[in-house]
Protein backbone atom coordinates (compact mmCIF):
# COMPACT_ATOMS: atom_id res chain seq x y z
CA MET A 1 68.59 -0.40 -13.47
CA GLU A 2 65.63 0.54 -15.22
CA GLN A 3 63.15 3.43 -14.07
CA ALA A 4 59.42 3.09 -13.61
CA PRO A 5 57.74 4.93 -16.60
CA THR A 6 56.46 8.14 -15.53
CA GLU A 7 52.67 8.78 -15.83
CA THR A 8 51.76 11.31 -18.46
CA ALA A 9 48.54 13.37 -18.39
CA LEU A 10 45.45 12.23 -20.15
CA PRO A 11 44.42 13.76 -23.43
CA PRO A 12 41.65 16.39 -23.15
CA SER A 13 38.82 13.91 -24.77
CA LEU A 14 39.92 11.22 -22.14
CA ARG A 15 39.51 13.84 -18.99
CA LEU A 16 36.34 14.77 -19.97
CA LEU A 17 35.16 11.15 -20.43
CA LYS A 18 36.39 10.52 -16.78
CA GLY A 19 34.82 13.24 -15.57
CA LEU A 20 31.64 12.32 -16.87
CA VAL A 21 31.68 9.00 -15.84
CA ILE A 22 32.50 9.75 -11.90
CA LEU A 23 29.22 12.31 -12.79
CA LEU A 24 27.32 9.52 -13.91
CA THR A 25 28.19 7.05 -10.86
CA LEU A 26 27.35 10.11 -8.45
CA THR A 27 24.28 10.52 -9.96
CA MET A 28 23.37 6.92 -9.83
CA ILE A 29 24.12 6.79 -6.26
CA GLY A 30 22.12 9.48 -5.38
CA ALA A 31 19.31 8.13 -7.54
CA VAL A 32 19.22 4.75 -5.60
CA ILE A 33 19.50 6.68 -2.19
CA THR A 34 16.40 8.75 -3.22
CA VAL A 35 14.55 5.63 -4.35
CA VAL A 36 14.92 3.82 -1.17
CA ALA A 37 14.14 6.91 1.14
CA LEU A 38 11.04 7.30 -0.85
CA LEU A 39 10.06 3.65 -0.51
CA VAL A 40 10.71 3.57 3.12
CA THR A 41 8.91 7.08 3.91
CA ARG A 42 5.77 6.38 1.43
CA MET A 43 4.94 2.82 2.07
CA PRO A 44 5.40 2.17 6.12
CA SER A 45 1.96 0.15 6.02
CA ALA A 46 3.71 -2.51 3.64
CA ILE A 47 6.86 -3.08 6.13
CA SER A 48 4.38 -3.38 9.37
CA THR A 49 2.06 -6.15 9.02
CA ALA A 50 0.46 -5.53 12.51
CA THR A 51 -2.03 -3.26 11.40
CA ALA A 52 -5.45 -4.48 11.13
CA VAL A 53 -7.62 -4.45 7.91
CA PRO A 54 -10.62 -1.73 8.13
CA LEU A 55 -14.05 -3.65 8.03
CA PRO A 56 -17.74 -2.45 7.21
CA ALA A 57 -19.41 -1.68 10.68
CA GLN A 58 -22.07 -4.32 10.08
CA ILE A 59 -19.52 -7.13 10.39
CA THR A 60 -18.56 -8.51 13.56
CA LEU A 61 -15.93 -11.08 13.79
CA PRO A 62 -15.91 -14.01 16.24
CA ASP A 63 -14.10 -13.46 19.60
CA GLY A 64 -10.26 -13.89 19.05
CA SER A 65 -10.23 -13.55 15.23
CA LYS A 66 -8.29 -10.85 13.69
CA PRO A 67 -8.70 -9.82 10.19
CA THR A 68 -6.01 -9.84 7.71
CA ALA A 69 -7.40 -9.70 4.49
CA PHE A 70 -10.96 -8.48 3.32
CA THR A 71 -12.83 -8.42 -0.24
CA GLN A 72 -16.45 -7.63 -1.16
CA GLY A 73 -18.66 -9.24 -3.70
CA GLY A 74 -21.91 -8.24 -4.94
CA THR A 75 -23.85 -9.73 -2.10
CA TRP A 76 -21.34 -10.84 0.19
CA TYR A 77 -18.24 -10.13 1.97
CA ALA A 78 -15.23 -12.35 2.88
CA VAL A 79 -12.86 -11.68 5.63
CA VAL A 80 -9.91 -13.92 5.89
CA THR A 81 -8.41 -14.29 9.49
CA SER A 82 -5.27 -14.76 11.31
CA ASP A 83 -6.30 -18.19 12.56
CA ASP A 84 -6.86 -19.33 8.79
CA HIS A 85 -10.26 -19.21 8.15
CA ILE A 86 -12.48 -17.72 5.69
CA LEU A 87 -15.81 -15.93 6.67
CA ILE A 88 -18.42 -14.89 4.50
CA PHE A 89 -20.76 -12.75 5.57
CA ASN A 90 -24.23 -11.81 3.95
CA THR A 91 -24.16 -7.81 3.26
CA ASP A 92 -26.54 -7.50 6.47
CA GLY A 93 -23.71 -8.69 8.56
CA SER A 94 -24.82 -12.37 9.00
CA LEU A 95 -22.14 -15.11 8.62
CA ARG A 96 -22.86 -17.09 5.51
CA GLN A 97 -20.06 -19.74 5.61
CA ASP A 98 -16.99 -20.47 7.78
CA ILE A 99 -14.22 -22.05 5.43
CA ALA A 100 -10.98 -23.63 7.56
CA VAL A 101 -8.08 -23.35 5.35
CA ALA A 102 -5.98 -26.70 5.68
CA PRO A 103 -2.41 -26.32 6.36
CA ALA A 104 0.01 -26.96 3.37
CA PRO A 105 1.31 -30.58 3.07
């Protein structure tokens, strides 16, 4: 009956390499955990979409409209609402144009 070969110790250079690979693996795991934790704690508004967009004081939206996006041009403001409308206002706050966005086909 043959005996199984006995394990021999690794040469010193391979022991060093094995230790470095283990250290690199632990470092990479720690880095991934750190990046994920920073993304979660530093960008909470990206996770929650329930926050309202801040608008200039002179803009008054129609009743029931909730802003989801806002942009500003030279002489106008545009507000995208949750009910798929783009409202374009003059700088004095008067409504210039109401564009209904059609649903995708």
